[in-house]
């Protein structure tokens, strides 16, 4: 692992992300599909990324997750990027930090994690 930390197989949420998205995240990274748009492209902006990793980051940062079994998961901006980099197996949290709008739940991410037993906490107290 270059840069950040290795995967934590004991972390139930991280293991769910690995099962749901690990292969695809690594594929996007290996093929350059996770990069930012070029400065001269229409609608380009520093945070304008459409890949799965960016959408996952936005769905993790400042959103609480609850497992059917009662476990919980919550990630700060840095921790969300760190976990994605660990699943990818390359880079560190800065590769994902603010890669999309924080706290914006992506439908694909929510559906895949729901199949793993995880749901976002949408209560007023979250």
N, C-alpha and C. Protein backbone atom coordinates (compact mmCIF):
# COMPACT_ATOMS: atom_id res chain seq x y z
N UNK A 1 0.85 -1.18 0.00
CA UNK A 1 0.00 0.00 0.00
C UNK A 1 0.88 1.23 0.00
N UNK A 2 0.72 2.06 -0.99
CA UNK A 2 1.49 3.30 -1.07
C UNK A 2 0.65 4.45 -0.56
N UNK A 3 1.19 5.26 0.33
CA UNK A 3 0.47 6.44 0.81
C UNK A 3 -0.25 6.19 2.11
N UNK A 4 -1.53 5.90 2.05
CA UNK A 4 -2.38 5.78 3.24
C UNK A 4 -2.27 4.45 3.94
N UNK A 5 -3.29 4.15 4.69
CA UNK A 5 -3.31 2.93 5.51
C UNK A 5 -3.81 1.74 4.70
N UNK A 6 -3.60 0.56 5.23
CA UNK A 6 -4.16 -0.64 4.64
C UNK A 6 -5.61 -0.83 5.06
N UNK A 7 -6.27 -1.78 4.45
CA UNK A 7 -7.66 -2.07 4.80
C UNK A 7 -7.76 -2.63 6.19
N UNK A 8 -8.91 -2.36 6.82
CA UNK A 8 -9.19 -2.88 8.16
C UNK A 8 -10.28 -3.94 8.02
N UNK A 9 -9.92 -5.22 7.91
CA UNK A 9 -10.92 -6.27 7.70
C UNK A 9 -11.88 -6.43 8.87
N UNK A 10 -11.53 -5.90 10.04
CA UNK A 10 -12.42 -5.98 11.19
C UNK A 10 -13.50 -4.91 11.21
N UNK A 11 -13.39 -3.94 10.33
CA UNK A 11 -14.39 -2.86 10.26
C UNK A 11 -15.54 -3.33 9.38
N UNK A 12 -16.71 -3.53 9.98
CA UNK A 12 -17.85 -4.09 9.24
C UNK A 12 -18.31 -3.21 8.09
N UNK A 13 -18.31 -1.90 8.28
CA UNK A 13 -18.74 -1.00 7.21
C UNK A 13 -17.73 -1.01 6.06
N UNK A 14 -16.46 -0.94 6.40
CA UNK A 14 -15.41 -0.97 5.39
C UNK A 14 -15.46 -2.28 4.60
N UNK A 15 -15.73 -3.38 5.28
CA UNK A 15 -15.86 -4.67 4.61
C UNK A 15 -17.05 -4.66 3.65
N UNK A 16 -18.14 -4.01 4.04
CA UNK A 16 -19.31 -3.90 3.16
C UNK A 16 -18.99 -3.06 1.94
N UNK A 17 -18.25 -1.96 2.12
CA UNK A 17 -17.84 -1.12 0.99
C UNK A 17 -16.94 -1.93 0.06
N UNK A 18 -16.03 -2.70 0.62
CA UNK A 18 -15.15 -3.56 -0.19
C UNK A 18 -15.97 -4.52 -1.03
N UNK A 19 -16.93 -5.20 -0.42
CA UNK A 19 -17.75 -6.17 -1.17
C UNK A 19 -18.58 -5.47 -2.24
N UNK A 20 -19.15 -4.34 -1.90
CA UNK A 20 -20.06 -3.65 -2.82
C UNK A 20 -19.32 -2.93 -3.94
N UNK A 21 -18.16 -2.33 -3.63
CA UNK A 21 -17.53 -1.42 -4.59
C UNK A 21 -16.04 -1.62 -4.83
N UNK A 22 -15.39 -2.48 -4.05
CA UNK A 22 -13.94 -2.57 -4.12
C UNK A 22 -13.37 -2.80 -5.51
N UNK A 23 -13.87 -3.80 -6.18
CA UNK A 23 -13.34 -4.12 -7.51
C UNK A 23 -13.54 -2.96 -8.48
N UNK A 24 -14.71 -2.36 -8.43
CA UNK A 24 -15.00 -1.24 -9.35
C UNK A 24 -14.17 0.00 -9.02
N UNK A 25 -13.98 0.29 -7.74
CA UNK A 25 -13.14 1.42 -7.36
C UNK A 25 -11.71 1.23 -7.86
N UNK A 26 -11.19 0.02 -7.70
CA UNK A 26 -9.83 -0.26 -8.18
C UNK A 26 -9.74 -0.16 -9.70
N UNK A 27 -10.78 -0.62 -10.39
CA UNK A 27 -10.82 -0.53 -11.85
C UNK A 27 -10.82 0.94 -12.29
N UNK A 28 -11.65 1.75 -11.66
CA UNK A 28 -11.71 3.17 -12.02
C UNK A 28 -10.36 3.84 -11.79
N UNK A 29 -9.72 3.51 -10.67
CA UNK A 29 -8.42 4.10 -10.35
C UNK A 29 -7.36 3.67 -11.37
N UNK A 30 -7.33 2.40 -11.69
CA UNK A 30 -6.33 1.87 -12.62
C UNK A 30 -6.49 2.44 -14.03
N UNK A 31 -7.70 2.77 -14.39
CA UNK A 31 -7.97 3.27 -15.73
C UNK A 31 -8.18 4.78 -15.81
N UNK A 32 -7.85 5.48 -14.72
CA UNK A 32 -7.93 6.94 -14.72
C UNK A 32 -9.34 7.49 -14.78
N UNK A 33 -10.32 6.68 -14.40
CA UNK A 33 -11.71 7.13 -14.50
C UNK A 33 -12.17 7.88 -13.25
N UNK A 34 -11.28 8.03 -12.28
CA UNK A 34 -11.66 8.70 -11.04
C UNK A 34 -11.13 10.13 -10.97
N UNK A 35 -10.53 10.61 -12.06
CA UNK A 35 -9.91 11.92 -12.05
C UNK A 35 -10.88 13.07 -12.18
N UNK A 36 -10.37 14.23 -11.89
CA UNK A 36 -11.15 15.45 -12.05
C UNK A 36 -11.21 15.83 -13.52
N UNK A 37 -12.25 16.59 -13.89
CA UNK A 37 -12.32 17.11 -15.25
C UNK A 37 -11.17 18.09 -15.45
N UNK A 38 -10.75 18.23 -16.69
CA UNK A 38 -9.72 19.20 -17.01
C UNK A 38 -10.25 20.61 -16.85
N UNK A 39 -9.38 21.55 -16.57
CA UNK A 39 -9.80 22.93 -16.34
C UNK A 39 -10.51 23.55 -17.53
N UNK A 40 -10.25 23.05 -18.73
CA UNK A 40 -10.85 23.65 -19.92
C UNK A 40 -12.13 22.94 -20.37
N UNK A 41 -12.56 21.92 -19.65
CA UNK A 41 -13.78 21.22 -20.03
C UNK A 41 -15.00 21.98 -19.53
N UNK A 42 -16.11 21.90 -20.25
CA UNK A 42 -17.33 22.59 -19.80
C UNK A 42 -17.75 22.12 -18.42
N UNK A 43 -18.10 23.07 -17.58
CA UNK A 43 -18.58 22.74 -16.25
C UNK A 43 -17.49 22.26 -15.31
N UNK A 44 -16.24 22.42 -15.70
CA UNK A 44 -15.15 21.91 -14.86
C UNK A 44 -15.03 22.70 -13.58
N UNK A 45 -14.76 22.01 -12.53
CA UNK A 45 -14.54 22.64 -11.23
C UNK A 45 -13.69 21.72 -10.40
N UNK A 46 -13.09 22.27 -9.36
CA UNK A 46 -12.19 21.48 -8.53
C UNK A 46 -12.87 20.24 -7.98
N UNK A 47 -14.16 20.35 -7.64
CA UNK A 47 -14.84 19.23 -7.00
C UNK A 47 -15.70 18.44 -7.97
N UNK A 48 -15.59 18.72 -9.26
CA UNK A 48 -16.50 18.14 -10.25
C UNK A 48 -15.98 16.78 -10.72
N UNK A 49 -16.31 15.75 -9.97
CA UNK A 49 -15.93 14.38 -10.32
C UNK A 49 -17.19 13.54 -10.31
N UNK A 50 -17.29 12.65 -11.26
CA UNK A 50 -18.51 11.86 -11.39
C UNK A 50 -18.31 10.38 -11.10
N UNK A 51 -17.09 9.95 -10.89
CA UNK A 51 -16.82 8.54 -10.67
C UNK A 51 -17.42 8.02 -9.38
N UNK A 52 -17.43 6.72 -9.25
CA UNK A 52 -17.99 6.07 -8.08
C UNK A 52 -17.31 6.54 -6.80
N UNK A 53 -16.00 6.66 -6.80
CA UNK A 53 -15.29 7.08 -5.59
C UNK A 53 -15.74 8.43 -5.08
N UNK A 54 -15.94 9.38 -5.98
CA UNK A 54 -16.40 10.71 -5.58
C UNK A 54 -17.82 10.64 -5.04
N UNK A 55 -18.67 9.87 -5.70
CA UNK A 55 -20.06 9.74 -5.22
C UNK A 55 -20.11 9.01 -3.89
N UNK A 56 -19.21 8.05 -3.70
CA UNK A 56 -19.12 7.35 -2.43
C UNK A 56 -18.66 8.31 -1.34
N UNK A 57 -17.64 9.12 -1.63
CA UNK A 57 -17.16 10.09 -0.65
C UNK A 57 -18.30 11.00 -0.19
N UNK A 58 -19.07 11.53 -1.14
CA UNK A 58 -20.18 12.41 -0.78
C UNK A 58 -21.24 11.71 0.04
N UNK A 59 -21.37 10.41 -0.15
CA UNK A 59 -22.37 9.62 0.58
C UNK A 59 -21.88 9.20 1.97
N UNK A 60 -20.59 9.34 2.22
CA UNK A 60 -20.02 8.95 3.51
C UNK A 60 -19.74 10.16 4.41
N UNK A 61 -19.23 11.24 3.83
CA UNK A 61 -18.82 12.39 4.62
C UNK A 61 -20.03 13.04 5.30
N UNK A 62 -20.01 13.02 6.61
CA UNK A 62 -21.05 13.64 7.44
C UNK A 62 -22.42 12.98 7.32
N UNK A 63 -22.46 11.72 6.95
CA UNK A 63 -23.70 10.94 6.97
C UNK A 63 -23.48 9.76 7.91
N UNK A 64 -24.39 9.57 8.83
CA UNK A 64 -24.32 8.43 9.74
C UNK A 64 -25.01 7.23 9.08
N UNK A 65 -24.42 6.06 9.26
CA UNK A 65 -24.96 4.82 8.70
C UNK A 65 -25.27 3.85 9.84
N UNK A 66 -26.36 3.11 9.71
CA UNK A 66 -26.79 2.15 10.72
C UNK A 66 -26.99 0.80 10.06
N UNK A 67 -26.41 -0.23 10.69
CA UNK A 67 -26.57 -1.59 10.18
C UNK A 67 -27.80 -2.24 10.80
N UNK A 68 -28.39 -3.17 10.07
CA UNK A 68 -29.56 -3.90 10.57
C UNK A 68 -29.27 -4.56 11.91
N UNK A 69 -28.01 -4.91 12.16
CA UNK A 69 -27.62 -5.56 13.41
C UNK A 69 -27.32 -4.59 14.53
N UNK A 70 -27.42 -3.27 14.27
CA UNK A 70 -27.23 -2.27 15.30
C UNK A 70 -25.91 -1.53 15.25
N UNK A 71 -24.94 -2.00 14.48
CA UNK A 71 -23.66 -1.29 14.36
C UNK A 71 -23.89 0.05 13.67
N UNK A 72 -22.98 0.99 13.91
CA UNK A 72 -23.06 2.29 13.27
C UNK A 72 -21.72 2.64 12.63
N UNK A 73 -21.77 3.53 11.67
CA UNK A 73 -20.55 4.03 11.02
C UNK A 73 -20.76 5.50 10.71
N UNK A 74 -19.71 6.28 10.91
CA UNK A 74 -19.76 7.72 10.64
C UNK A 74 -18.37 8.16 10.23
N UNK A 75 -18.29 9.01 9.21
CA UNK A 75 -17.00 9.42 8.67
C UNK A 75 -16.93 10.92 8.50
N UNK A 76 -15.83 11.50 8.98
CA UNK A 76 -15.54 12.91 8.71
C UNK A 76 -15.06 13.02 7.26
N UNK A 77 -14.80 14.21 6.81
CA UNK A 77 -14.29 14.41 5.45
C UNK A 77 -13.01 13.59 5.23
N UNK A 78 -12.07 13.71 6.15
CA UNK A 78 -10.79 13.00 6.01
C UNK A 78 -10.97 11.50 6.14
N UNK A 79 -11.75 11.07 7.13
CA UNK A 79 -11.93 9.64 7.36
C UNK A 79 -12.60 8.97 6.17
N UNK A 80 -13.54 9.66 5.52
CA UNK A 80 -14.20 9.10 4.33
C UNK A 80 -13.18 8.88 3.22
N UNK A 81 -12.33 9.87 2.97
CA UNK A 81 -11.30 9.72 1.96
C UNK A 81 -10.29 8.65 2.29
N UNK A 82 -9.94 8.56 3.56
CA UNK A 82 -8.99 7.56 4.03
C UNK A 82 -9.52 6.15 3.79
N UNK A 83 -10.79 5.95 4.09
CA UNK A 83 -11.38 4.62 3.91
C UNK A 83 -11.46 4.24 2.43
N UNK A 84 -11.82 5.19 1.58
CA UNK A 84 -11.88 4.89 0.15
C UNK A 84 -10.49 4.54 -0.37
N UNK A 85 -9.48 5.31 0.02
CA UNK A 85 -8.10 5.01 -0.41
C UNK A 85 -7.67 3.63 0.08
N UNK A 86 -8.07 3.25 1.28
CA UNK A 86 -7.72 1.93 1.81
C UNK A 86 -8.37 0.83 0.98
N UNK A 87 -9.62 1.01 0.60
CA UNK A 87 -10.31 0.01 -0.23
C UNK A 87 -9.68 -0.06 -1.61
N UNK A 88 -9.33 1.09 -2.17
CA UNK A 88 -8.67 1.13 -3.48
C UNK A 88 -7.29 0.49 -3.39
N UNK A 89 -6.63 0.69 -2.26
CA UNK A 89 -5.29 0.15 -2.08
C UNK A 89 -4.20 1.04 -2.62
N UNK A 90 -4.53 2.32 -2.80
CA UNK A 90 -3.55 3.28 -3.32
C UNK A 90 -3.94 4.68 -2.88
N UNK A 91 -2.93 5.52 -2.74
CA UNK A 91 -3.18 6.91 -2.39
C UNK A 91 -3.49 7.10 -0.93
N UNK A 92 -4.08 8.26 -0.62
CA UNK A 92 -4.47 8.56 0.74
C UNK A 92 -5.73 9.41 0.73
N UNK A 93 -6.11 9.92 1.89
CA UNK A 93 -7.38 10.61 2.01
C UNK A 93 -7.50 11.81 1.08
N UNK A 94 -6.38 12.47 0.78
CA UNK A 94 -6.42 13.66 -0.07
C UNK A 94 -6.86 13.35 -1.51
N UNK A 95 -6.73 12.11 -1.93
CA UNK A 95 -7.19 11.74 -3.28
C UNK A 95 -8.70 11.84 -3.39
N UNK A 96 -9.40 11.81 -2.26
CA UNK A 96 -10.87 11.82 -2.26
C UNK A 96 -11.46 12.99 -1.52
N UNK A 97 -10.67 13.67 -0.70
CA UNK A 97 -11.14 14.77 0.13
C UNK A 97 -11.88 15.81 -0.71
N UNK A 98 -13.14 16.05 -0.37
CA UNK A 98 -13.99 17.04 -1.06
C UNK A 98 -14.11 16.75 -2.56
N UNK A 99 -14.13 15.48 -2.95
CA UNK A 99 -14.23 15.13 -4.37
C UNK A 99 -15.64 15.29 -4.90
N UNK A 100 -16.60 15.52 -4.02
CA UNK A 100 -17.97 15.84 -4.43
C UNK A 100 -18.62 16.56 -3.25
N UNK A 101 -19.88 16.85 -3.35
CA UNK A 101 -20.58 17.54 -2.26
C UNK A 101 -20.77 16.60 -1.08
N UNK A 102 -20.32 17.02 0.09
CA UNK A 102 -20.43 16.21 1.30
C UNK A 102 -21.88 16.09 1.74
N UNK A 103 -22.23 14.91 2.22
CA UNK A 103 -23.56 14.71 2.75
C UNK A 103 -24.64 14.55 1.71
N UNK A 104 -24.24 14.32 0.45
CA UNK A 104 -25.21 14.11 -0.62
C UNK A 104 -25.23 12.62 -0.93
N UNK A 105 -26.32 11.99 -0.58
CA UNK A 105 -26.45 10.54 -0.71
C UNK A 105 -26.70 10.15 -2.17
N UNK A 106 -25.82 9.32 -2.70
CA UNK A 106 -25.96 8.82 -4.06
C UNK A 106 -26.87 7.59 -4.05
N UNK A 107 -27.79 7.52 -5.00
CA UNK A 107 -28.76 6.43 -5.05
C UNK A 107 -28.08 5.08 -5.20
N UNK A 108 -27.11 4.97 -6.12
CA UNK A 108 -26.41 3.70 -6.32
C UNK A 108 -25.69 3.26 -5.05
N UNK A 109 -25.04 4.19 -4.39
CA UNK A 109 -24.32 3.87 -3.15
C UNK A 109 -25.30 3.40 -2.09
N UNK A 110 -26.39 4.13 -1.92
CA UNK A 110 -27.38 3.77 -0.90
C UNK A 110 -27.98 2.39 -1.17
N UNK A 111 -28.30 2.10 -2.42
CA UNK A 111 -28.90 0.80 -2.75
C UNK A 111 -27.92 -0.35 -2.52
N UNK A 112 -26.67 -0.17 -2.91
CA UNK A 112 -25.68 -1.23 -2.74
C UNK A 112 -25.39 -1.48 -1.26
N UNK A 113 -25.28 -0.41 -0.48
CA UNK A 113 -25.02 -0.60 0.94
C UNK A 113 -26.24 -1.14 1.67
N UNK A 114 -27.43 -0.83 1.18
CA UNK A 114 -28.65 -1.41 1.77
C UNK A 114 -28.65 -2.92 1.59
N UNK A 115 -28.15 -3.39 0.44
CA UNK A 115 -28.05 -4.84 0.23
C UNK A 115 -27.07 -5.49 1.20
N UNK A 116 -26.15 -4.69 1.74
CA UNK A 116 -25.20 -5.16 2.74
C UNK A 116 -25.73 -4.97 4.16
N UNK A 117 -26.95 -4.44 4.29
CA UNK A 117 -27.55 -4.24 5.59
C UNK A 117 -27.35 -2.86 6.20
N UNK A 118 -26.76 -1.92 5.45
CA UNK A 118 -26.48 -0.57 5.94
C UNK A 118 -27.44 0.43 5.33
N UNK A 119 -27.95 1.32 6.18
CA UNK A 119 -28.86 2.37 5.72
C UNK A 119 -28.43 3.70 6.33
N UNK A 120 -28.59 4.78 5.59
CA UNK A 120 -28.24 6.09 6.16
C UNK A 120 -29.25 6.48 7.24
N UNK A 121 -28.75 7.13 8.27
CA UNK A 121 -29.63 7.63 9.32
C UNK A 121 -30.16 8.99 8.88
N UNK A 122 -31.41 9.03 8.54
CA UNK A 122 -32.02 10.27 8.05
C UNK A 122 -32.86 10.95 9.12
N UNK A 123 -32.68 10.53 10.37
CA UNK A 123 -33.45 11.15 11.45
C UNK A 123 -32.98 12.58 11.67
N UNK A 124 -33.80 13.35 12.30
CA UNK A 124 -33.49 14.76 12.58
C UNK A 124 -32.26 14.90 13.48
N UNK A 125 -32.01 13.89 14.33
CA UNK A 125 -30.90 13.96 15.28
C UNK A 125 -29.56 13.58 14.67
N UNK A 126 -29.56 13.02 13.47
CA UNK A 126 -28.31 12.54 12.86
C UNK A 126 -27.44 13.67 12.39
